[in-house]
Amino acid sequence: MTNSAPLEVAERVEFPVAFERTAPPAVSVKASIHFQEGLAHLQLGEAEEAVAELSRSIQHAPTLPDAHMFLGIAHALTSNIYPAIDHLEEAAKLDPDSFAAHFTLAQLHFKLRTPKPGYEAAARALKCLQTLEQRKMLTQLLKEERERERNGIARPSFTKPFSAPMLLLGSGVLAAAIIFVMAFMR
């Protein structure tokens, strides 16, 4: 990064204490530099630039959980939801004791109105609690989600497989529709 002027802007986004971590010393210098620059861009609200820098950091250190977590946040801010989920899940897999990774994944799922994986991530975050502040953050997140569920429209959870009679009925209707279209085309 040749221009350091944007990093001196007074309006910075402050992350909660639970998210303030730095790259561990075992990471290569290039990965650490890209990681720090990505964080700086993220704090300035420059999500696209943060995605680029954090992606470079992961190229140099693919097992760095914090880079995956912040890249997931940056992707979420740019509305790239599937990469965001992938990177947050990777961060949680690389560091299973990371409250921040599990909490952020739960928060994203709740924002996407997918409560089942959100509650699963929140349960994993609960096992990683280390401070009172983390407990308060998780409690507030769960309280907000329950309030949303109470005031919102119930959503189906498509986790239950179709039964055999329903599959036969569906295939029969499909076959009848095909026969009708074929007969009508003649």
N, C-alpha and C. Protein backbone atom coordinates (compact mmCIF):
# COMPACT_ATOMS: atom_id res chain seq x y z
N MET A 1 0.85 -1.16 0.00
CA MET A 1 0.00 0.00 0.00
C MET A 1 0.90 1.23 0.00
N THR A 2 0.80 2.02 -1.01
CA THR A 2 1.68 3.18 -1.14
C THR A 2 1.09 4.42 -0.51
N ASN A 3 -0.21 4.56 -0.51
CA ASN A 3 -0.84 5.75 0.02
C ASN A 3 -1.35 5.46 1.43
N SER A 4 -0.76 6.08 2.42
CA SER A 4 -1.18 5.82 3.80
C SER A 4 -2.13 6.90 4.32
N ALA A 5 -2.52 7.83 3.50
CA ALA A 5 -3.41 8.92 3.93
C ALA A 5 -4.77 8.41 4.42
N PRO A 6 -5.43 7.41 3.74
CA PRO A 6 -6.74 6.99 4.22
C PRO A 6 -6.69 6.41 5.63
N LEU A 7 -5.56 5.93 6.06
CA LEU A 7 -5.48 5.31 7.37
C LEU A 7 -5.48 6.35 8.48
N GLU A 8 -5.35 7.63 8.14
CA GLU A 8 -5.29 8.68 9.14
C GLU A 8 -6.64 9.37 9.34
N VAL A 9 -7.68 8.85 8.69
CA VAL A 9 -9.00 9.44 8.81
C VAL A 9 -9.49 9.25 10.24
N ALA A 10 -10.12 10.28 10.79
CA ALA A 10 -10.53 10.25 12.19
C ALA A 10 -11.69 9.29 12.45
N GLU A 11 -12.56 9.09 11.47
CA GLU A 11 -13.72 8.23 11.67
C GLU A 11 -13.33 6.77 11.44
N ARG A 12 -13.12 6.05 12.52
CA ARG A 12 -12.76 4.65 12.42
C ARG A 12 -13.85 3.82 13.10
N VAL A 13 -14.06 2.66 12.58
CA VAL A 13 -15.00 1.74 13.19
C VAL A 13 -14.25 1.00 14.29
N GLU A 14 -14.78 1.03 15.49
CA GLU A 14 -14.15 0.34 16.62
C GLU A 14 -14.82 -1.01 16.81
N PHE A 15 -14.01 -2.07 16.88
CA PHE A 15 -14.54 -3.40 17.11
C PHE A 15 -14.66 -3.64 18.61
N PRO A 16 -15.66 -4.43 19.02
CA PRO A 16 -15.75 -4.78 20.44
C PRO A 16 -14.47 -5.47 20.89
N VAL A 17 -14.23 -5.45 22.18
CA VAL A 17 -13.02 -6.04 22.74
C VAL A 17 -12.88 -7.49 22.33
N ALA A 18 -14.00 -8.19 22.20
CA ALA A 18 -13.95 -9.61 21.84
C ALA A 18 -13.35 -9.84 20.47
N PHE A 19 -13.33 -8.83 19.60
CA PHE A 19 -12.82 -9.00 18.25
C PHE A 19 -11.42 -8.44 18.07
N GLU A 20 -10.90 -7.75 19.05
CA GLU A 20 -9.60 -7.12 18.88
C GLU A 20 -8.49 -8.14 19.11
N ARG A 21 -7.95 -8.62 18.00
CA ARG A 21 -6.87 -9.57 18.05
C ARG A 21 -5.89 -9.19 16.95
N THR A 22 -4.69 -9.64 17.06
CA THR A 22 -3.70 -9.36 16.04
C THR A 22 -3.15 -10.67 15.51
N ALA A 23 -2.46 -10.59 14.39
CA ALA A 23 -1.89 -11.79 13.79
C ALA A 23 -0.82 -12.36 14.71
N PRO A 24 -0.82 -13.67 14.91
CA PRO A 24 0.20 -14.27 15.76
C PRO A 24 1.58 -14.15 15.14
N PRO A 25 2.65 -14.17 15.96
CA PRO A 25 4.00 -13.95 15.43
C PRO A 25 4.49 -15.05 14.50
N ALA A 26 3.86 -16.24 14.51
CA ALA A 26 4.32 -17.33 13.65
C ALA A 26 3.92 -17.14 12.19
N VAL A 27 3.23 -16.08 11.87
CA VAL A 27 2.76 -15.81 10.51
C VAL A 27 3.85 -15.07 9.74
N SER A 28 3.91 -15.32 8.43
CA SER A 28 4.92 -14.66 7.61
C SER A 28 4.72 -13.14 7.63
N VAL A 29 5.78 -12.43 7.32
CA VAL A 29 5.74 -10.97 7.35
C VAL A 29 4.72 -10.44 6.34
N LYS A 30 4.71 -11.02 5.13
CA LYS A 30 3.76 -10.57 4.10
C LYS A 30 2.32 -10.78 4.56
N ALA A 31 2.05 -11.94 5.15
CA ALA A 31 0.69 -12.21 5.63
C ALA A 31 0.30 -11.22 6.72
N SER A 32 1.22 -10.94 7.61
CA SER A 32 0.95 -10.01 8.70
C SER A 32 0.69 -8.59 8.19
N ILE A 33 1.48 -8.16 7.21
CA ILE A 33 1.31 -6.82 6.63
C ILE A 33 -0.06 -6.72 5.96
N HIS A 34 -0.41 -7.72 5.14
CA HIS A 34 -1.72 -7.69 4.46
C HIS A 34 -2.86 -7.76 5.48
N PHE A 35 -2.66 -8.56 6.54
CA PHE A 35 -3.68 -8.67 7.57
C PHE A 35 -3.91 -7.31 8.25
N GLN A 36 -2.84 -6.64 8.63
CA GLN A 36 -2.97 -5.34 9.30
C GLN A 36 -3.59 -4.29 8.37
N GLU A 37 -3.20 -4.31 7.11
CA GLU A 37 -3.78 -3.36 6.15
C GLU A 37 -5.26 -3.66 5.92
N GLY A 38 -5.60 -4.95 5.87
CA GLY A 38 -7.01 -5.33 5.72
C GLY A 38 -7.84 -4.87 6.90
N LEU A 39 -7.30 -5.02 8.11
CA LEU A 39 -8.00 -4.54 9.30
C LEU A 39 -8.17 -3.03 9.26
N ALA A 40 -7.13 -2.33 8.82
CA ALA A 40 -7.21 -0.86 8.74
C ALA A 40 -8.31 -0.45 7.76
N HIS A 41 -8.37 -1.11 6.62
CA HIS A 41 -9.43 -0.80 5.64
C HIS A 41 -10.80 -1.12 6.22
N LEU A 42 -10.90 -2.23 6.93
CA LEU A 42 -12.18 -2.61 7.53
C LEU A 42 -12.61 -1.59 8.57
N GLN A 43 -11.69 -1.09 9.36
CA GLN A 43 -12.01 -0.09 10.37
C GLN A 43 -12.44 1.23 9.75
N LEU A 44 -11.94 1.50 8.56
CA LEU A 44 -12.32 2.73 7.86
C LEU A 44 -13.61 2.57 7.05
N GLY A 45 -14.16 1.35 7.05
CA GLY A 45 -15.39 1.11 6.31
C GLY A 45 -15.17 0.83 4.84
N GLU A 46 -13.95 0.53 4.46
CA GLU A 46 -13.61 0.23 3.06
C GLU A 46 -13.58 -1.29 2.89
N ALA A 47 -14.78 -1.87 2.78
CA ALA A 47 -14.91 -3.33 2.77
C ALA A 47 -14.27 -3.98 1.54
N GLU A 48 -14.41 -3.37 0.36
CA GLU A 48 -13.83 -3.98 -0.85
C GLU A 48 -12.31 -4.06 -0.75
N GLU A 49 -11.68 -2.99 -0.26
CA GLU A 49 -10.23 -2.98 -0.10
C GLU A 49 -9.81 -3.98 0.98
N ALA A 50 -10.63 -4.09 2.02
CA ALA A 50 -10.34 -5.05 3.08
C ALA A 50 -10.40 -6.48 2.54
N VAL A 51 -11.37 -6.77 1.68
CA VAL A 51 -11.46 -8.10 1.07
C VAL A 51 -10.18 -8.42 0.31
N ALA A 52 -9.69 -7.46 -0.48
CA ALA A 52 -8.48 -7.68 -1.27
C ALA A 52 -7.28 -7.95 -0.36
N GLU A 53 -7.08 -7.12 0.65
CA GLU A 53 -5.91 -7.28 1.53
C GLU A 53 -6.00 -8.55 2.37
N LEU A 54 -7.16 -8.83 2.91
CA LEU A 54 -7.30 -10.03 3.73
C LEU A 54 -7.21 -11.30 2.88
N SER A 55 -7.64 -11.23 1.63
CA SER A 55 -7.47 -12.38 0.72
C SER A 55 -6.00 -12.64 0.47
N ARG A 56 -5.23 -11.56 0.30
CA ARG A 56 -3.78 -11.72 0.12
C ARG A 56 -3.14 -12.30 1.39
N SER A 57 -3.62 -11.90 2.53
CA SER A 57 -3.11 -12.43 3.79
C SER A 57 -3.35 -13.94 3.86
N ILE A 58 -4.53 -14.37 3.44
CA ILE A 58 -4.87 -15.79 3.47
C ILE A 58 -4.05 -16.57 2.44
N GLN A 59 -3.69 -15.92 1.32
CA GLN A 59 -2.82 -16.58 0.35
C GLN A 59 -1.47 -16.91 0.96
N HIS A 60 -0.98 -16.01 1.82
CA HIS A 60 0.33 -16.22 2.45
C HIS A 60 0.23 -17.07 3.72
N ALA A 61 -0.91 -17.07 4.38
CA ALA A 61 -1.10 -17.84 5.61
C ALA A 61 -2.52 -18.41 5.63
N PRO A 62 -2.77 -19.51 4.93
CA PRO A 62 -4.13 -20.04 4.81
C PRO A 62 -4.72 -20.57 6.12
N THR A 63 -3.90 -20.77 7.15
CA THR A 63 -4.41 -21.30 8.41
C THR A 63 -4.56 -20.23 9.48
N LEU A 64 -4.60 -18.97 9.09
CA LEU A 64 -4.74 -17.88 10.04
C LEU A 64 -6.24 -17.63 10.30
N PRO A 65 -6.75 -18.05 11.46
CA PRO A 65 -8.19 -17.94 11.70
C PRO A 65 -8.70 -16.51 11.74
N ASP A 66 -7.92 -15.58 12.29
CA ASP A 66 -8.38 -14.19 12.36
C ASP A 66 -8.56 -13.59 10.97
N ALA A 67 -7.68 -13.94 10.05
CA ALA A 67 -7.81 -13.43 8.68
C ALA A 67 -9.09 -13.94 8.04
N HIS A 68 -9.39 -15.22 8.28
CA HIS A 68 -10.65 -15.77 7.74
C HIS A 68 -11.85 -15.08 8.37
N MET A 69 -11.78 -14.84 9.68
CA MET A 69 -12.91 -14.21 10.36
C MET A 69 -13.16 -12.80 9.82
N PHE A 70 -12.10 -11.99 9.74
CA PHE A 70 -12.29 -10.61 9.26
C PHE A 70 -12.61 -10.58 7.77
N LEU A 71 -12.10 -11.54 7.00
CA LEU A 71 -12.48 -11.62 5.59
C LEU A 71 -13.96 -11.96 5.47
N GLY A 72 -14.46 -12.83 6.35
CA GLY A 72 -15.88 -13.13 6.37
C GLY A 72 -16.71 -11.89 6.67
N ILE A 73 -16.24 -11.09 7.63
CA ILE A 73 -16.95 -9.84 7.96
C ILE A 73 -16.93 -8.89 6.76
N ALA A 74 -15.77 -8.78 6.11
CA ALA A 74 -15.66 -7.88 4.95
C ALA A 74 -16.57 -8.35 3.81
N HIS A 75 -16.61 -9.66 3.58
CA HIS A 75 -17.51 -10.19 2.54
C HIS A 75 -18.97 -9.90 2.89
N ALA A 76 -19.32 -10.05 4.16
CA ALA A 76 -20.70 -9.77 4.58
C ALA A 76 -21.04 -8.30 4.34
N LEU A 77 -20.09 -7.41 4.59
CA LEU A 77 -20.33 -5.99 4.37
C LEU A 77 -20.47 -5.64 2.89
N THR A 78 -19.88 -6.45 2.02
CA THR A 78 -20.01 -6.23 0.58
C THR A 78 -21.15 -7.06 -0.01
N SER A 79 -21.96 -7.68 0.85
CA SER A 79 -23.11 -8.50 0.45
C SER A 79 -22.73 -9.77 -0.30
N ASN A 80 -21.53 -10.26 -0.10
CA ASN A 80 -21.11 -11.56 -0.65
C ASN A 80 -21.33 -12.59 0.46
N ILE A 81 -22.55 -13.05 0.59
CA ILE A 81 -22.96 -13.83 1.76
C ILE A 81 -22.31 -15.21 1.79
N TYR A 82 -22.30 -15.93 0.68
CA TYR A 82 -21.75 -17.29 0.71
C TYR A 82 -20.26 -17.31 1.04
N PRO A 83 -19.45 -16.45 0.43
CA PRO A 83 -18.04 -16.41 0.86
C PRO A 83 -17.91 -15.99 2.33
N ALA A 84 -18.78 -15.11 2.78
CA ALA A 84 -18.73 -14.68 4.19
C ALA A 84 -18.96 -15.87 5.11
N ILE A 85 -19.99 -16.65 4.83
CA ILE A 85 -20.27 -17.83 5.64
C ILE A 85 -19.12 -18.81 5.57
N ASP A 86 -18.58 -19.04 4.36
CA ASP A 86 -17.47 -19.98 4.20
C ASP A 86 -16.27 -19.58 5.04
N HIS A 87 -15.90 -18.31 5.00
CA HIS A 87 -14.72 -17.86 5.75
C HIS A 87 -14.96 -17.86 7.26
N LEU A 88 -16.17 -17.52 7.68
CA LEU A 88 -16.46 -17.57 9.11
C LEU A 88 -16.47 -19.00 9.62
N GLU A 89 -17.00 -19.92 8.82
CA GLU A 89 -16.96 -21.33 9.21
C GLU A 89 -15.53 -21.85 9.24
N GLU A 90 -14.71 -21.41 8.29
CA GLU A 90 -13.30 -21.81 8.26
C GLU A 90 -12.57 -21.28 9.49
N ALA A 91 -12.85 -20.05 9.87
CA ALA A 91 -12.23 -19.48 11.08
C ALA A 91 -12.63 -20.28 12.31
N ALA A 92 -13.89 -20.65 12.40
CA ALA A 92 -14.36 -21.44 13.54
C ALA A 92 -13.74 -22.83 13.54
N LYS A 93 -13.51 -23.37 12.34
CA LYS A 93 -12.89 -24.69 12.24
C LYS A 93 -11.40 -24.63 12.62
N LEU A 94 -10.72 -23.57 12.17
CA LEU A 94 -9.30 -23.42 12.47
C LEU A 94 -9.03 -23.12 13.94
N ASP A 95 -9.95 -22.39 14.56
CA ASP A 95 -9.81 -22.05 15.98
C ASP A 95 -11.14 -22.33 16.68
N PRO A 96 -11.37 -23.59 17.06
CA PRO A 96 -12.65 -23.95 17.66
C PRO A 96 -12.95 -23.24 18.98
N ASP A 97 -11.94 -22.67 19.62
CA ASP A 97 -12.13 -21.95 20.89
C ASP A 97 -12.31 -20.46 20.70
N SER A 98 -12.51 -20.00 19.48
CA SER A 98 -12.65 -18.58 19.19
C SER A 98 -14.09 -18.13 19.38
N PHE A 99 -14.31 -17.38 20.43
CA PHE A 99 -15.64 -16.81 20.67
C PHE A 99 -16.04 -15.91 19.50
N ALA A 100 -15.11 -15.09 19.05
CA ALA A 100 -15.40 -14.11 18.01
C ALA A 100 -15.89 -14.78 16.72
N ALA A 101 -15.25 -15.87 16.31
CA ALA A 101 -15.64 -16.54 15.08
C ALA A 101 -17.05 -17.12 15.19
N HIS A 102 -17.33 -17.81 16.30
CA HIS A 102 -18.66 -18.41 16.48
C HIS A 102 -19.73 -17.34 16.65
N PHE A 103 -19.43 -16.30 17.40
CA PHE A 103 -20.39 -15.21 17.63
C PHE A 103 -20.72 -14.51 16.31
N THR A 104 -19.70 -14.21 15.52
CA THR A 104 -19.93 -13.51 14.25
C THR A 104 -20.72 -14.37 13.29
N LEU A 105 -20.43 -15.67 13.27
CA LEU A 105 -21.20 -16.58 12.42
C LEU A 105 -22.66 -16.63 12.87
N ALA A 106 -22.90 -16.70 14.18
CA ALA A 106 -24.27 -16.69 14.68
C ALA A 106 -24.98 -15.39 14.31
N GLN A 107 -24.27 -14.28 14.46
CA GLN A 107 -24.84 -12.97 14.15
C GLN A 107 -25.23 -12.89 12.67
N LEU A 108 -24.37 -13.39 11.79
CA LEU A 108 -24.67 -13.36 10.36
C LEU A 108 -25.88 -14.23 10.04
N HIS A 109 -25.94 -15.42 10.63
CA HIS A 109 -27.10 -16.29 10.36
C HIS A 109 -28.39 -15.66 10.86
N PHE A 110 -28.34 -15.01 12.02
CA PHE A 110 -29.55 -14.36 12.51
C PHE A 110 -29.96 -13.21 11.61
N LYS A 111 -28.99 -12.46 11.09
CA LYS A 111 -29.32 -11.36 10.16
C LYS A 111 -29.94 -11.90 8.88
N LEU A 112 -29.49 -13.09 8.46
CA LEU A 112 -30.01 -13.71 7.24
C LEU A 112 -31.33 -14.44 7.49
N ARG A 113 -31.81 -14.42 8.72
CA ARG A 113 -33.04 -15.08 9.13
C ARG A 113 -32.96 -16.59 8.94
N THR A 114 -31.79 -17.15 9.25
CA THR A 114 -31.61 -18.60 9.28
C THR A 114 -31.28 -18.97 10.72
N PRO A 115 -32.32 -19.09 11.56
CA PRO A 115 -32.07 -19.23 12.99
C PRO A 115 -31.42 -20.54 13.41
N LYS A 116 -31.72 -21.64 12.74
CA LYS A 116 -31.17 -22.93 13.19
C LYS A 116 -29.65 -22.91 13.20
N PRO A 117 -28.98 -22.57 12.09
CA PRO A 117 -27.51 -22.51 12.15
C PRO A 117 -27.03 -21.38 13.06
N GLY A 118 -27.84 -20.34 13.21
CA GLY A 118 -27.48 -19.26 14.12
C GLY A 118 -27.43 -19.72 15.56
N TYR A 119 -28.44 -20.48 15.97
CA TYR A 119 -28.46 -21.00 17.34
C TYR A 119 -27.34 -22.02 17.56
N GLU A 120 -27.02 -22.79 16.52
CA GLU A 120 -25.91 -23.75 16.64
C GLU A 120 -24.58 -23.02 16.86
N ALA A 121 -24.36 -21.96 16.10
CA ALA A 121 -23.13 -21.17 16.26
C ALA A 121 -23.12 -20.46 17.61
N ALA A 122 -24.28 -20.00 18.06
CA ALA A 122 -24.36 -19.35 19.37
C ALA A 122 -24.05 -20.33 20.49
N ALA A 123 -24.49 -21.57 20.34
CA ALA A 123 -24.18 -22.60 21.35
C ALA A 123 -22.68 -22.87 21.40
N ARG A 124 -22.04 -22.88 20.24
CA ARG A 124 -20.57 -23.06 20.22
C ARG A 124 -19.88 -21.84 20.82
N ALA A 125 -20.42 -20.65 20.57
CA ALA A 125 -19.85 -19.43 21.16
C ALA A 125 -19.97 -19.46 22.67
N LEU A 126 -21.08 -19.99 23.17
CA LEU A 126 -21.29 -20.08 24.60
C LEU A 126 -20.22 -20.92 25.28
N LYS A 127 -19.77 -21.96 24.59
CA LYS A 127 -18.71 -22.82 25.14
C LYS A 127 -17.36 -22.13 25.16
N CYS A 128 -17.22 -21.05 24.40
CA CYS A 128 -15.94 -20.34 24.28
C CYS A 128 -15.87 -19.09 25.13
N LEU A 129 -16.92 -18.80 25.89
CA LEU A 129 -16.95 -17.57 26.69
C LEU A 129 -15.74 -17.48 27.63
N GLN A 130 -15.14 -16.28 27.68
CA GLN A 130 -14.02 -16.07 28.59
C GLN A 130 -14.21 -14.83 29.46
N THR A 131 -15.04 -13.90 29.02
CA THR A 131 -15.21 -12.65 29.77
C THR A 131 -16.69 -12.35 29.97
N LEU A 132 -16.96 -11.48 30.90
CA LEU A 132 -18.31 -11.03 31.15
C LEU A 132 -18.86 -10.25 29.95
N GLU A 133 -18.00 -9.49 29.30
CA GLU A 133 -18.43 -8.72 28.12
C GLU A 133 -18.90 -9.64 27.00
N GLN A 134 -18.19 -10.75 26.80
CA GLN A 134 -18.61 -11.72 25.78
C GLN A 134 -19.96 -12.31 26.14
N ARG A 135 -20.17 -12.62 27.40
CA ARG A 135 -21.46 -13.16 27.84
C ARG A 135 -22.58 -12.16 27.57
N LYS A 136 -22.31 -10.88 27.85
CA LYS A 136 -23.32 -9.84 27.61
C LYS A 136 -23.63 -9.73 26.12
N MET A 137 -22.59 -9.77 25.28
CA MET A 137 -22.80 -9.67 23.83
C MET A 137 -23.66 -10.83 23.33
N LEU A 138 -23.35 -12.04 23.77
CA LEU A 138 -24.10 -13.21 23.33
C LEU A 138 -25.53 -13.17 23.85
N THR A 139 -25.70 -12.77 25.09
CA THR A 139 -27.04 -12.66 25.67
C THR A 139 -27.88 -11.65 24.90
N GLN A 140 -27.29 -10.51 24.56
CA GLN A 140 -28.00 -9.48 23.80
C GLN A 140 -28.38 -9.99 22.40
N LEU A 141 -27.46 -10.70 21.75
CA LEU A 141 -27.74 -11.25 20.42
C LEU A 141 -28.91 -12.23 20.49
N LEU A 142 -28.90 -13.13 21.46
CA LEU A 142 -29.97 -14.11 21.59
C LEU A 142 -31.30 -13.45 21.96
N LYS A 143 -31.24 -12.43 22.79
CA LYS A 143 -32.44 -11.69 23.16
C LYS A 143 -33.06 -11.02 21.93
N GLU A 144 -32.23 -10.39 21.11
CA GLU A 144 -32.73 -9.74 19.90
C GLU A 144 -33.32 -10.75 18.93
N GLU A 145 -32.69 -11.91 18.80
CA GLU A 145 -33.20 -12.93 17.88
C GLU A 145 -34.54 -13.48 18.37
N ARG A 146 -34.66 -13.72 19.64
CA ARG A 146 -35.94 -14.22 20.18
C ARG A 146 -37.05 -13.18 19.99
N GLU A 147 -36.70 -11.91 20.15
CA GLU A 147 -37.68 -10.83 19.93
C GLU A 147 -38.11 -10.80 18.46
N ARG A 148 -37.15 -10.96 17.56
CA ARG A 148 -37.46 -11.02 16.13
C ARG A 148 -38.38 -12.19 15.82
N GLU A 149 -38.09 -13.33 16.43
CA GLU A 149 -38.92 -14.52 16.18
C GLU A 149 -40.34 -14.32 16.71
N ARG A 150 -40.46 -13.67 17.87
CA ARG A 150 -41.78 -13.43 18.45
C ARG A 150 -42.60 -12.49 17.58
N ASN A 151 -41.98 -11.48 17.03
CA ASN A 151 -42.70 -10.46 16.25
C ASN A 151 -42.76 -10.74 14.76
N GLY A 152 -42.03 -11.74 14.31
CA GLY A 152 -41.95 -11.98 12.87
C GLY A 152 -42.87 -13.09 12.40
N ILE A 153 -42.77 -13.38 11.14
CA ILE A 153 -43.53 -14.45 10.52
C ILE A 153 -42.70 -15.72 10.63
N ALA A 154 -43.35 -16.81 11.02
CA ALA A 154 -42.64 -18.08 11.14
C ALA A 154 -42.15 -18.52 9.78
N ARG A 155 -40.91 -18.95 9.73
CA ARG A 155 -40.32 -19.41 8.47
C ARG A 155 -40.17 -20.92 8.53
N PRO A 156 -40.43 -21.59 7.42
CA PRO A 156 -40.24 -23.05 7.42
C PRO A 156 -38.74 -23.37 7.46
N SER A 157 -38.41 -24.47 8.09
CA SER A 157 -37.01 -24.89 8.09
C SER A 157 -36.92 -26.12 7.19
N PHE A 158 -36.43 -26.03 6.08
CA PHE A 158 -36.46 -27.11 5.08
C PHE A 158 -35.46 -28.21 5.42
N THR A 159 -35.45 -28.63 6.68
CA THR A 159 -34.49 -29.64 7.10
C THR A 159 -35.11 -31.03 7.11
N LYS A 160 -36.42 -31.12 7.08
CA LYS A 160 -37.10 -32.40 7.11
C LYS A 160 -37.23 -32.93 5.68
N PRO A 161 -36.76 -34.16 5.40
CA PRO A 161 -36.84 -34.67 4.03
C PRO A 161 -38.30 -34.98 3.64
N PHE A 162 -38.54 -35.00 2.34
CA PHE A 162 -39.87 -35.32 1.85
C PHE A 162 -40.17 -36.78 2.14
N SER A 163 -41.42 -37.09 2.37
CA SER A 163 -41.83 -38.48 2.61
C SER A 163 -41.99 -39.19 1.26
N ALA A 164 -41.98 -40.51 1.30
CA ALA A 164 -42.11 -41.30 0.07
C ALA A 164 -43.44 -41.03 -0.63
N PRO A 165 -44.58 -40.97 0.07
CA PRO A 165 -45.84 -40.67 -0.64
C PRO A 165 -45.82 -39.31 -1.33
N MET A 166 -45.20 -38.32 -0.70
CA MET A 166 -45.14 -36.99 -1.32
C MET A 166 -44.26 -37.01 -2.57
N LEU A 167 -43.17 -37.76 -2.53
CA LEU A 167 -42.31 -37.88 -3.71
C LEU A 167 -43.04 -38.57 -4.85
N LEU A 168 -43.80 -39.65 -4.53
CA LEU A 168 -44.57 -40.34 -5.57
C LEU A 168 -45.64 -39.42 -6.15
N LEU A 169 -46.32 -38.68 -5.30
CA LEU A 169 -47.34 -37.75 -5.77
C LEU A 169 -46.72 -36.68 -6.67
N GLY A 170 -45.59 -36.13 -6.25
CA GLY A 170 -44.91 -35.10 -7.04
C GLY A 170 -44.45 -35.63 -8.39
N SER A 171 -43.89 -36.84 -8.39
CA SER A 171 -43.44 -37.40 -9.68
C SER A 171 -44.62 -37.74 -10.56
N GLY A 172 -45.75 -38.18 -9.98
CA GLY A 172 -46.95 -38.47 -10.78
C GLY A 172 -47.50 -37.21 -11.43
N VAL A 173 -47.54 -36.12 -10.66
CA VAL A 173 -48.02 -34.84 -11.20
C VAL A 173 -47.09 -34.36 -12.32
N LEU A 174 -45.78 -34.52 -12.12
CA LEU A 174 -44.82 -34.12 -13.14
C LEU A 174 -45.01 -34.95 -14.41
N ALA A 175 -45.19 -36.28 -14.27
CA ALA A 175 -45.40 -37.14 -15.43
C ALA A 175 -46.68 -36.75 -16.17
N ALA A 176 -47.74 -36.47 -15.42
CA ALA A 176 -49.01 -36.06 -16.05
C ALA A 176 -48.84 -34.75 -16.81
N ALA A 177 -48.09 -33.82 -16.25
CA ALA A 177 -47.86 -32.53 -16.91
C ALA A 177 -47.08 -32.74 -18.20
N ILE A 178 -46.09 -33.61 -18.18
CA ILE A 178 -45.29 -33.87 -19.38
C ILE A 178 -46.16 -34.52 -20.46
N ILE A 179 -46.97 -35.49 -20.08
CA ILE A 179 -47.85 -36.16 -21.04
C ILE A 179 -48.84 -35.14 -21.63
N PHE A 180 -49.39 -34.27 -20.80
CA PHE A 180 -50.33 -33.26 -21.27
C PHE A 180 -49.66 -32.31 -22.28
N VAL A 181 -48.44 -31.88 -21.98
CA VAL A 181 -47.73 -30.98 -22.87
C VAL A 181 -47.39 -31.67 -24.18
N MET A 182 -46.96 -32.92 -24.11
CA MET A 182 -46.62 -33.69 -25.32
C MET A 182 -47.86 -33.89 -26.19
N ALA A 183 -49.01 -34.20 -25.58
CA ALA A 183 -50.24 -34.41 -26.33
C ALA A 183 -50.73 -33.11 -26.94
N PHE A 184 -50.56 -32.03 -26.24
CA PHE A 184 -51.01 -30.73 -26.70
C PHE A 184 -50.13 -30.23 -27.88
N MET A 185 -48.87 -30.60 -27.91
CA MET A 185 -47.96 -30.14 -28.96
C MET A 185 -48.19 -30.83 -30.29
N ARG A 186 -48.84 -31.97 -30.30
CA ARG A 186 -49.05 -32.72 -31.55
C ARG A 186 -50.07 -32.11 -32.38
